[in-house]
């Protein structure tokens, strides 16, 4: 996993040290999709699966939810607010010298 994506996983872990609760999972992926490519979101999701945050069924349900019915803006803002106080800024996609 590129350093950039590893930093995102660390950022999520910092914001949710006890794990991402069910109600925040779909808005989290929706928030990531605003800043990352689909392949990058998939890589992050697979890393979270490996860490035990989600399972494959969770991911399939979340993807379907995002495609069929985006979470409302209040849910996305709740997740953004929880993660915003940590080191990785939402609008800074990559650091110097990082290509993906």
PDB file of N, CA and C in Angstrom:
ATOM      1  N   UNK A   1       0.851  -1.170   0.000  1.00  0.00           N
ATOM      2  CA  UNK A   1       0.000   0.000   0.000  1.00  0.00           C
ATOM      3  C   UNK A   1       0.896   1.231   0.000  1.00  0.00           C
ATOM      4  N   UNK A   2       0.613   2.173  -0.908  1.00  0.00           N
ATOM      5  CA  UNK A   2       1.402   3.406  -0.927  1.00  0.00           C
ATOM      6  C   UNK A   2       1.297   4.145   0.416  1.00  0.00           C
ATOM      7  N   UNK A   3       2.336   4.896   0.722  1.00  0.00           N
ATOM      8  CA  UNK A   3       2.384   5.653   1.970  1.00  0.00           C
ATOM      9  C   UNK A   3       1.163   6.551   2.129  1.00  0.00           C
ATOM     10  N   UNK A   4       0.715   7.158   1.040  1.00  0.00           N
ATOM     11  CA  UNK A   4      -0.458   8.030   1.076  1.00  0.00           C
ATOM     12  C   UNK A   4      -1.674   7.295   1.615  1.00  0.00           C
ATOM     13  N   UNK A   5      -1.931   6.089   1.120  1.00  0.00           N
ATOM     14  CA  UNK A   5      -3.089   5.323   1.580  1.00  0.00           C
ATOM     15  C   UNK A   5      -2.883   4.803   2.993  1.00  0.00           C
ATOM     16  N   UNK A   6      -1.655   4.451   3.341  1.00  0.00           N
ATOM     17  CA  UNK A   6      -1.362   4.025   4.719  1.00  0.00           C
ATOM     18  C   UNK A   6      -1.647   5.165   5.694  1.00  0.00           C
ATOM     19  N   UNK A   7      -1.345   6.400   5.292  1.00  0.00           N
ATOM     20  CA  UNK A   7      -1.646   7.561   6.137  1.00  0.00           C
ATOM     21  C   UNK A   7      -3.148   7.732   6.323  1.00  0.00           C
ATOM     22  N   UNK A   8      -3.918   7.437   5.290  1.00  0.00           N
ATOM     23  CA  UNK A   8      -5.371   7.550   5.402  1.00  0.00           C
ATOM     24  C   UNK A   8      -5.898   6.524   6.394  1.00  0.00           C
ATOM     25  N   UNK A   9      -5.399   5.298   6.322  1.00  0.00           N
ATOM     26  CA  UNK A   9      -5.809   4.257   7.269  1.00  0.00           C
ATOM     27  C   UNK A   9      -5.430   4.688   8.688  1.00  0.00           C
ATOM     28  N   UNK A  10      -4.231   5.240   8.868  1.00  0.00           N
ATOM     29  CA  UNK A  10      -3.810   5.713  10.191  1.00  0.00           C
ATOM     30  C   UNK A  10      -4.718   6.852  10.659  1.00  0.00           C
ATOM     31  N   UNK A  11      -5.116   7.720   9.742  1.00  0.00           N
ATOM     32  CA  UNK A  11      -6.015   8.836  10.054  1.00  0.00           C
ATOM     33  C   UNK A  11      -7.370   8.314  10.518  1.00  0.00           C
ATOM     34  N   UNK A  12      -7.903   7.302   9.824  1.00  0.00           N
ATOM     35  CA  UNK A  12      -9.178   6.704  10.219  1.00  0.00           C
ATOM     36  C   UNK A  12      -9.042   6.055  11.595  1.00  0.00           C
ATOM     37  N   UNK A  13      -7.948   5.346  11.818  1.00  0.00           N
ATOM     38  CA  UNK A  13      -7.714   4.692  13.107  1.00  0.00           C
ATOM     39  C   UNK A  13      -7.600   5.717  14.230  1.00  0.00           C
ATOM     40  N   UNK A  14      -6.951   6.857  13.957  1.00  0.00           N
ATOM     41  CA  UNK A  14      -6.839   7.909  14.971  1.00  0.00           C
ATOM     42  C   UNK A  14      -8.209   8.478  15.316  1.00  0.00           C
ATOM     43  N   UNK A  15      -9.054   8.632  14.322  1.00  0.00           N
ATOM     44  CA  UNK A  15     -10.394   9.169  14.554  1.00  0.00           C
ATOM     45  C   UNK A  15     -11.339   8.164  15.184  1.00  0.00           C
ATOM     46  N   UNK A  16     -11.078   6.900  14.942  1.00  0.00           N
ATOM     47  CA  UNK A  16     -11.925   5.815  15.453  1.00  0.00           C
ATOM     48  C   UNK A  16     -11.048   4.749  16.106  1.00  0.00           C
ATOM     49  N   UNK A  17     -10.386   5.063  17.213  1.00  0.00           N
ATOM     50  CA  UNK A  17      -9.469   4.086  17.815  1.00  0.00           C
ATOM     51  C   UNK A  17     -10.156   2.803  18.270  1.00  0.00           C
ATOM     52  N   UNK A  18     -11.466   2.891  18.552  1.00  0.00           N
ATOM     53  CA  UNK A  18     -12.205   1.709  18.990  1.00  0.00           C
ATOM     54  C   UNK A  18     -12.857   0.992  17.810  1.00  0.00           C
ATOM     55  N   UNK A  19     -12.627   1.460  16.592  1.00  0.00           N
ATOM     56  CA  UNK A  19     -13.222   0.881  15.392  1.00  0.00           C
ATOM     57  C   UNK A  19     -14.338   1.763  14.873  1.00  0.00           C
ATOM     58  N   UNK A  20     -14.609   1.669  13.591  1.00  0.00           N
ATOM     59  CA  UNK A  20     -15.639   2.484  12.966  1.00  0.00           C
ATOM     60  C   UNK A  20     -17.002   1.848  13.243  1.00  0.00           C
ATOM     61  N   UNK A  21     -17.896   2.566  13.936  1.00  0.00           N
ATOM     62  CA  UNK A  21     -19.216   1.997  14.231  1.00  0.00           C
ATOM     63  C   UNK A  21     -20.067   1.889  12.973  1.00  0.00           C
ATOM     64  N   UNK A  22     -21.009   0.976  12.980  1.00  0.00           N
ATOM     65  CA  UNK A  22     -21.869   0.735  11.828  1.00  0.00           C
ATOM     66  C   UNK A  22     -22.464   1.966  11.197  1.00  0.00           C
ATOM     67  N   UNK A  23     -23.059   2.890  11.984  1.00  0.00           N
ATOM     68  CA  UNK A  23     -23.694   4.059  11.364  1.00  0.00           C
ATOM     69  C   UNK A  23     -22.721   4.995  10.649  1.00  0.00           C
ATOM     70  N   UNK A  24     -21.430   4.907  10.957  1.00  0.00           N
ATOM     71  CA  UNK A  24     -20.451   5.798  10.324  1.00  0.00           C
ATOM     72  C   UNK A  24     -19.754   5.166   9.124  1.00  0.00           C
ATOM     73  N   UNK A  25     -19.977   3.903   8.861  1.00  0.00           N
ATOM     74  CA  UNK A  25     -19.242   3.219   7.795  1.00  0.00           C
ATOM     75  C   UNK A  25     -19.599   3.723   6.403  1.00  0.00           C
ATOM     76  N   UNK A  26     -20.867   3.819   6.090  1.00  0.00           N
ATOM     77  CA  UNK A  26     -21.260   4.299   4.760  1.00  0.00           C
ATOM     78  C   UNK A  26     -20.849   5.757   4.568  1.00  0.00           C
ATOM     79  N   UNK A  27     -21.122   6.648   5.534  1.00  0.00           N
ATOM     80  CA  UNK A  27     -20.667   8.035   5.339  1.00  0.00           C
ATOM     81  C   UNK A  27     -19.147   8.148   5.220  1.00  0.00           C
ATOM     82  N   UNK A  28     -18.407   7.292   5.928  1.00  0.00           N
ATOM     83  CA  UNK A  28     -16.944   7.320   5.824  1.00  0.00           C
ATOM     84  C   UNK A  28     -16.509   7.006   4.399  1.00  0.00           C
ATOM     85  N   UNK A  29     -17.052   5.939   3.830  1.00  0.00           N
ATOM     86  CA  UNK A  29     -16.683   5.595   2.457  1.00  0.00           C
ATOM     87  C   UNK A  29     -17.151   6.665   1.477  1.00  0.00           C
ATOM     88  N   UNK A  30     -18.311   7.239   1.718  1.00  0.00           N
ATOM     89  CA  UNK A  30     -18.784   8.327   0.849  1.00  0.00           C
ATOM     90  C   UNK A  30     -17.848   9.524   0.936  1.00  0.00           C
ATOM     91  N   UNK A  31     -17.385   9.838   2.130  1.00  0.00           N
ATOM     92  CA  UNK A  31     -16.446  10.941   2.322  1.00  0.00           C
ATOM     93  C   UNK A  31     -15.132  10.657   1.595  1.00  0.00           C
ATOM     94  N   UNK A  32     -14.631   9.433   1.709  1.00  0.00           N
ATOM     95  CA  UNK A  32     -13.395   9.064   1.017  1.00  0.00           C
ATOM     96  C   UNK A  32     -13.569   9.138  -0.498  1.00  0.00           C
ATOM     97  N   UNK A  33     -14.733   8.752  -0.995  1.00  0.00           N
ATOM     98  CA  UNK A  33     -14.965   8.783  -2.445  1.00  0.00           C
ATOM     99  C   UNK A  33     -14.928  10.199  -2.994  1.00  0.00           C
ATOM    100  N   UNK A  34     -15.134  11.193  -2.145  1.00  0.00           N
ATOM    101  CA  UNK A  34     -15.052  12.589  -2.595  1.00  0.00           C
ATOM    102  C   UNK A  34     -13.607  13.020  -2.822  1.00  0.00           C
ATOM    103  N   UNK A  35     -12.652  12.318  -2.203  1.00  0.00           N
ATOM    104  CA  UNK A  35     -11.253  12.728  -2.253  1.00  0.00           C
ATOM    105  C   UNK A  35     -10.341  11.720  -2.939  1.00  0.00           C
ATOM    106  N   UNK A  36     -10.796  10.472  -3.082  1.00  0.00           N
ATOM    107  CA  UNK A  36      -9.952   9.404  -3.598  1.00  0.00           C
ATOM    108  C   UNK A  36     -10.570   8.782  -4.838  1.00  0.00           C
ATOM    109  N   UNK A  37      -9.742   8.106  -5.607  1.00  0.00           N
ATOM    110  CA  UNK A  37     -10.264   7.348  -6.732  1.00  0.00           C
ATOM    111  C   UNK A  37     -10.957   6.098  -6.203  1.00  0.00           C
ATOM    112  N   UNK A  38     -11.754   5.456  -7.047  1.00  0.00           N
ATOM    113  CA  UNK A  38     -12.416   4.215  -6.637  1.00  0.00           C
ATOM    114  C   UNK A  38     -11.394   3.153  -6.243  1.00  0.00           C
ATOM    115  N   UNK A  39     -10.278   3.072  -6.984  1.00  0.00           N
ATOM    116  CA  UNK A  39      -9.229   2.102  -6.642  1.00  0.00           C
ATOM    117  C   UNK A  39      -8.605   2.397  -5.285  1.00  0.00           C
ATOM    118  N   UNK A  40      -8.414   3.677  -4.967  1.00  0.00           N
ATOM    119  CA  UNK A  40      -7.853   4.049  -3.672  1.00  0.00           C
ATOM    120  C   UNK A  40      -8.821   3.715  -2.543  1.00  0.00           C
ATOM    121  N   UNK A  41     -10.114   3.980  -2.735  1.00  0.00           N
ATOM    122  CA  UNK A  41     -11.114   3.638  -1.723  1.00  0.00           C
ATOM    123  C   UNK A  41     -11.131   2.126  -1.519  1.00  0.00           C
ATOM    124  N   UNK A  42     -11.045   1.371  -2.601  1.00  0.00           N
ATOM    125  CA  UNK A  42     -11.023  -0.088  -2.507  1.00  0.00           C
ATOM    126  C   UNK A  42      -9.804  -0.558  -1.721  1.00  0.00           C
ATOM    127  N   UNK A  43      -8.646   0.036  -1.972  1.00  0.00           N
ATOM    128  CA  UNK A  43      -7.428  -0.341  -1.245  1.00  0.00           C
ATOM    129  C   UNK A  43      -7.570  -0.050   0.245  1.00  0.00           C
ATOM    130  N   UNK A  44      -8.119   1.101   0.587  1.00  0.00           N
ATOM    131  CA  UNK A  44      -8.342   1.447   1.995  1.00  0.00           C
ATOM    132  C   UNK A  44      -9.331   0.459   2.611  1.00  0.00           C
ATOM    133  N   UNK A  45     -10.420   0.159   1.902  1.00  0.00           N
ATOM    134  CA  UNK A  45     -11.431  -0.771   2.415  1.00  0.00           C
ATOM    135  C   UNK A  45     -10.827  -2.146   2.666  1.00  0.00           C
ATOM    136  N   UNK A  46      -9.992  -2.610   1.746  1.00  0.00           N
ATOM    137  CA  UNK A  46      -9.360  -3.923   1.940  1.00  0.00           C
ATOM    138  C   UNK A  46      -8.428  -3.923   3.145  1.00  0.00           C
ATOM    139  N   UNK A  47      -7.735  -2.833   3.358  1.00  0.00           N
ATOM    140  CA  UNK A  47      -6.874  -2.733   4.540  1.00  0.00           C
ATOM    141  C   UNK A  47      -7.716  -2.756   5.809  1.00  0.00           C
ATOM    142  N   UNK A  48      -8.841  -2.061   5.801  1.00  0.00           N
ATOM    143  CA  UNK A  48      -9.726  -2.070   6.964  1.00  0.00           C
ATOM    144  C   UNK A  48     -10.330  -3.458   7.187  1.00  0.00           C
ATOM    145  N   UNK A  49     -10.602  -4.194   6.105  1.00  0.00           N
ATOM    146  CA  UNK A  49     -11.067  -5.581   6.236  1.00  0.00           C
ATOM    147  C   UNK A  49      -9.982  -6.407   6.916  1.00  0.00           C
ATOM    148  N   UNK A  50      -8.735  -6.263   6.456  1.00  0.00           N
ATOM    149  CA  UNK A  50      -7.610  -7.007   7.035  1.00  0.00           C
ATOM    150  C   UNK A  50      -7.421  -6.693   8.515  1.00  0.00           C
ATOM    151  N   UNK A  51      -7.742  -5.473   8.910  1.00  0.00           N
ATOM    152  CA  UNK A  51      -7.604  -5.058  10.315  1.00  0.00           C
ATOM    153  C   UNK A  51      -8.814  -5.452  11.157  1.00  0.00           C
ATOM    154  N   UNK A  52      -9.842  -6.020  10.520  1.00  0.00           N
ATOM    155  CA  UNK A  52     -11.029  -6.441  11.247  1.00  0.00           C
ATOM    156  C   UNK A  52     -12.072  -5.355  11.428  1.00  0.00           C
ATOM    157  N   UNK A  53     -11.895  -4.196  10.759  1.00  0.00           N
ATOM    158  CA  UNK A  53     -12.858  -3.094  10.876  1.00  0.00           C
ATOM    159  C   UNK A  53     -14.166  -3.435  10.181  1.00  0.00           C
ATOM    160  N   UNK A  54     -14.080  -4.025   9.011  1.00  0.00           N
ATOM    161  CA  UNK A  54     -15.233  -4.397   8.202  1.00  0.00           C
ATOM    162  C   UNK A  54     -15.036  -5.845   7.774  1.00  0.00           C
ATOM    163  N   UNK A  55     -16.113  -6.446   7.270  1.00  0.00           N
ATOM    164  CA  UNK A  55     -15.942  -7.718   6.581  1.00  0.00           C
ATOM    165  C   UNK A  55     -16.448  -7.551   5.153  1.00  0.00           C
ATOM    166  N   UNK A  56     -16.284  -8.578   4.331  1.00  0.00           N
ATOM    167  CA  UNK A  56     -16.651  -8.460   2.914  1.00  0.00           C
ATOM    168  C   UNK A  56     -18.132  -8.159   2.720  1.00  0.00           C
ATOM    169  N   UNK A  57     -18.981  -8.697   3.584  1.00  0.00           N
ATOM    170  CA  UNK A  57     -20.414  -8.411   3.487  1.00  0.00           C
ATOM    171  C   UNK A  57     -20.673  -6.943   3.795  1.00  0.00           C
ATOM    172  N   UNK A  58     -20.012  -6.410   4.836  1.00  0.00           N
ATOM    173  CA  UNK A  58     -20.157  -4.983   5.160  1.00  0.00           C
ATOM    174  C   UNK A  58     -19.816  -4.122   3.947  1.00  0.00           C
ATOM    175  N   UNK A  59     -18.698  -4.433   3.300  1.00  0.00           N
ATOM    176  CA  UNK A  59     -18.247  -3.640   2.157  1.00  0.00           C
ATOM    177  C   UNK A  59     -19.266  -3.715   1.030  1.00  0.00           C
ATOM    178  N   UNK A  60     -19.769  -4.904   0.732  1.00  0.00           N
ATOM    179  CA  UNK A  60     -20.756  -5.040  -0.349  1.00  0.00           C
ATOM    180  C   UNK A  60     -22.009  -4.233  -0.037  1.00  0.00           C
ATOM    181  N   UNK A  61     -22.482  -4.295   1.198  1.00  0.00           N
ATOM    182  CA  UNK A  61     -23.670  -3.537   1.590  1.00  0.00           C
ATOM    183  C   UNK A  61     -23.395  -2.042   1.501  1.00  0.00           C
ATOM    184  N   UNK A  62     -22.215  -1.622   1.945  1.00  0.00           N
ATOM    185  CA  UNK A  62     -21.885  -0.199   1.907  1.00  0.00           C
ATOM    186  C   UNK A  62     -21.802   0.318   0.482  1.00  0.00           C
ATOM    187  N   UNK A  63     -21.165  -0.456  -0.396  1.00  0.00           N
ATOM    188  CA  UNK A  63     -21.046  -0.015  -1.784  1.00  0.00           C
ATOM    189  C   UNK A  63     -22.434   0.115  -2.403  1.00  0.00           C
ATOM    190  N   UNK A  64     -23.289  -0.863  -2.159  1.00  0.00           N
ATOM    191  CA  UNK A  64     -24.657  -0.798  -2.667  1.00  0.00           C
ATOM    192  C   UNK A  64     -25.374   0.428  -2.108  1.00  0.00           C
ATOM    193  N   UNK A  65     -25.201   0.690  -0.824  1.00  0.00           N
ATOM    194  CA  UNK A  65     -25.844   1.856  -0.207  1.00  0.00           C
ATOM    195  C   UNK A  65     -25.360   3.152  -0.824  1.00  0.00           C
ATOM    196  N   UNK A  66     -24.072   3.242  -1.084  1.00  0.00           N
ATOM    197  CA  UNK A  66     -23.511   4.463  -1.658  1.00  0.00           C
ATOM    198  C   UNK A  66     -24.024   4.662  -3.076  1.00  0.00           C
ATOM    199  N   UNK A  67     -24.070   3.581  -3.838  1.00  0.00           N
ATOM    200  CA  UNK A  67     -24.521   3.688  -5.228  1.00  0.00           C
ATOM    201  C   UNK A  67     -26.007   3.988  -5.292  1.00  0.00           C
ATOM    202  N   UNK A  68     -26.804   3.260  -4.492  1.00  0.00           N
ATOM    203  CA  UNK A  68     -28.254   3.380  -4.564  1.00  0.00           C
ATOM    204  C   UNK A  68     -28.816   4.570  -3.795  1.00  0.00           C
ATOM    205  N   UNK A  69     -28.198   4.906  -2.687  1.00  0.00           N
ATOM    206  CA  UNK A  69     -28.758   5.966  -1.841  1.00  0.00           C
ATOM    207  C   UNK A  69     -27.639   6.562  -1.011  1.00  0.00           C
ATOM    208  N   UNK A  70     -27.100   7.679  -1.477  1.00  0.00           N
ATOM    209  CA  UNK A  70     -26.002   8.317  -0.766  1.00  0.00           C
ATOM    210  C   UNK A  70     -26.449   8.702   0.642  1.00  0.00           C
ATOM    211  N   UNK A  71     -25.534   8.604   1.627  1.00  0.00           N
ATOM    212  CA  UNK A  71     -25.890   9.047   2.973  1.00  0.00           C
ATOM    213  C   UNK A  71     -26.190  10.542   2.956  1.00  0.00           C
ATOM    214  N   UNK A  72     -27.012  10.964   3.902  1.00  0.00           N
ATOM    215  CA  UNK A  72     -27.349  12.384   3.904  1.00  0.00           C
ATOM    216  C   UNK A  72     -26.169  13.214   4.395  1.00  0.00           C
ATOM    217  N   UNK A  73     -26.225  14.502   4.104  1.00  0.00           N
ATOM    218  CA  UNK A  73     -25.102  15.394   4.404  1.00  0.00           C
ATOM    219  C   UNK A  73     -24.815  15.461   5.904  1.00  0.00           C
ATOM    220  N   UNK A  74     -25.825  15.302   6.751  1.00  0.00           N
ATOM    221  CA  UNK A  74     -25.595  15.331   8.202  1.00  0.00           C
ATOM    222  C   UNK A  74     -24.728  14.149   8.634  1.00  0.00           C
ATOM    223  N   UNK A  75     -24.945  12.974   8.048  1.00  0.00           N
ATOM    224  CA  UNK A  75     -24.120  11.808   8.376  1.00  0.00           C
ATOM    225  C   UNK A  75     -22.679  12.016   7.920  1.00  0.00           C
ATOM    226  N   UNK A  76     -22.508  12.531   6.714  1.00  0.00           N
ATOM    227  CA  UNK A  76     -21.154  12.778   6.206  1.00  0.00           C
ATOM    228  C   UNK A  76     -20.458  13.834   7.056  1.00  0.00           C
ATOM    229  N   UNK A  77     -21.154  14.882   7.434  1.00  0.00           N
ATOM    230  CA  UNK A  77     -20.557  15.926   8.269  1.00  0.00           C
ATOM    231  C   UNK A  77     -20.187  15.404   9.658  1.00  0.00           C
ATOM    232  N   UNK A  78     -20.989  14.483  10.212  1.00  0.00           N
ATOM    233  CA  UNK A  78     -20.668  13.879  11.504  1.00  0.00           C
ATOM    234  C   UNK A  78     -19.334  13.127  11.414  1.00  0.00           C
ATOM    235  N   UNK A  79     -19.149  12.368  10.356  1.00  0.00           N
ATOM    236  CA  UNK A  79     -17.911  11.619  10.168  1.00  0.00           C
ATOM    237  C   UNK A  79     -16.758  12.580   9.912  1.00  0.00           C
ATOM    238  N   UNK A  80     -16.977  13.575   9.068  1.00  0.00           N
ATOM    239  CA  UNK A  80     -15.931  14.564   8.776  1.00  0.00           C
ATOM    240  C   UNK A  80     -15.482  15.266  10.058  1.00  0.00           C
ATOM    241  N   UNK A  81     -16.437  15.661  10.886  1.00  0.00           N
ATOM    242  CA  UNK A  81     -16.103  16.352  12.132  1.00  0.00           C
ATOM    243  C   UNK A  81     -15.287  15.456  13.058  1.00  0.00           C
ATOM    244  N   UNK A  82     -15.626  14.186  13.111  1.00  0.00           N
ATOM    245  CA  UNK A  82     -14.889  13.270  13.980  1.00  0.00           C
ATOM    246  C   UNK A  82     -13.450  13.111  13.504  1.00  0.00           C
ATOM    247  N   UNK A  83     -13.246  13.062  12.201  1.00  0.00           N
ATOM    248  CA  UNK A  83     -11.907  12.837  11.656  1.00  0.00           C
ATOM    249  C   UNK A  83     -11.124  14.124  11.436  1.00  0.00           C
ATOM    250  N   UNK A  84     -11.795  15.244  11.355  1.00  0.00           N
ATOM    251  CA  UNK A  84     -11.157  16.509  11.010  1.00  0.00           C
ATOM    252  C   UNK A  84     -10.117  16.959  12.034  1.00  0.00           C
ATOM    253  N   UNK A  85     -10.247  16.562  13.273  1.00  0.00           N
ATOM    254  CA  UNK A  85      -9.316  16.993  14.301  1.00  0.00           C
ATOM    255  C   UNK A  85      -8.011  16.213  14.324  1.00  0.00           C
ATOM    256  N   UNK A  86      -7.810  15.321  13.372  1.00  0.00           N
ATOM    257  CA  UNK A  86      -6.599  14.499  13.344  1.00  0.00           C
ATOM    258  C   UNK A  86      -5.661  14.987  12.254  1.00  0.00           C
ATOM    259  N   UNK A  87      -4.502  14.396  12.167  1.00  0.00           N
ATOM    260  CA  UNK A  87      -3.392  14.956  11.400  1.00  0.00           C
ATOM    261  C   UNK A  87      -3.552  15.008   9.881  1.00  0.00           C
ATOM    262  N   UNK A  88      -4.374  14.191   9.292  1.00  0.00           N
ATOM    263  CA  UNK A  88      -4.455  14.178   7.834  1.00  0.00           C
ATOM    264  C   UNK A  88      -5.555  15.098   7.350  1.00  0.00           C
ATOM    265  N   UNK A  89      -5.225  16.218   6.709  1.00  0.00           N
ATOM    266  CA  UNK A  89      -6.254  17.148   6.241  1.00  0.00           C
ATOM    267  C   UNK A  89      -7.022  16.570   5.060  1.00  0.00           C
ATOM    268  N   UNK A  90      -8.319  16.754   5.065  1.00  0.00           N
ATOM    269  CA  UNK A  90      -9.162  16.191   4.014  1.00  0.00           C
ATOM    270  C   UNK A  90      -8.813  16.708   2.628  1.00  0.00           C
ATOM    271  N   UNK A  91      -8.370  17.937   2.526  1.00  0.00           N
ATOM    272  CA  UNK A  91      -8.136  18.514   1.210  1.00  0.00           C
ATOM    273  C   UNK A  91      -6.715  18.328   0.698  1.00  0.00           C
ATOM    274  N   UNK A  92      -5.818  17.746   1.487  1.00  0.00           N
ATOM    275  CA  UNK A  92      -4.433  17.540   1.087  1.00  0.00           C
ATOM    276  C   UNK A  92      -4.277  16.093   0.622  1.00  0.00           C
ATOM    277  N   UNK A  93      -4.431  15.852  -0.679  1.00  0.00           N
ATOM    278  CA  UNK A  93      -4.425  14.482  -1.189  1.00  0.00           C
ATOM    279  C   UNK A  93      -3.083  13.785  -1.012  1.00  0.00           C
ATOM    280  N   UNK A  94      -2.003  14.424  -1.318  1.00  0.00           N
ATOM    281  CA  UNK A  94      -0.705  13.754  -1.258  1.00  0.00           C
ATOM    282  C   UNK A  94       0.360  14.730  -0.781  1.00  0.00           C
ATOM    283  N   UNK A  95       1.326  14.177  -0.075  1.00  0.00           N
ATOM    284  CA  UNK A  95       2.455  14.987   0.350  1.00  0.00           C
ATOM    285  C   UNK A  95       3.480  15.094  -0.770  1.00  0.00           C
ATOM    286  N   UNK A  96       4.512  15.892  -0.567  1.00  0.00           N
ATOM    287  CA  UNK A  96       5.554  16.040  -1.582  1.00  0.00           C
ATOM    288  C   UNK A  96       6.195  14.696  -1.907  1.00  0.00           C
ATOM    289  N   UNK A  97       6.331  14.411  -3.175  1.00  0.00           N
ATOM    290  CA  UNK A  97       7.004  13.187  -3.621  1.00  0.00           C
ATOM    291  C   UNK A  97       6.145  11.944  -3.595  1.00  0.00           C
ATOM    292  N   UNK A  98       4.902  12.040  -3.190  1.00  0.00           N
ATOM    293  CA  UNK A  98       4.025  10.876  -3.184  1.00  0.00           C
ATOM    294  C   UNK A  98       3.224  10.860  -4.457  1.00  0.00           C
ATOM    295  N   UNK A  99       3.252   9.718  -5.147  1.00  0.00           N
ATOM    296  CA  UNK A  99       2.555   9.638  -6.411  1.00  0.00           C
ATOM    297  C   UNK A  99       1.320   8.744  -6.363  1.00  0.00           C
ATOM    298  N   UNK A 100       0.948   8.274  -5.236  1.00  0.00           N
ATOM    299  CA  UNK A 100      -0.250   7.461  -5.184  1.00  0.00           C
ATOM    300  C   UNK A 100      -0.233   6.443  -4.165  1.00  0.00           C
TER     301      UNK A 100
END
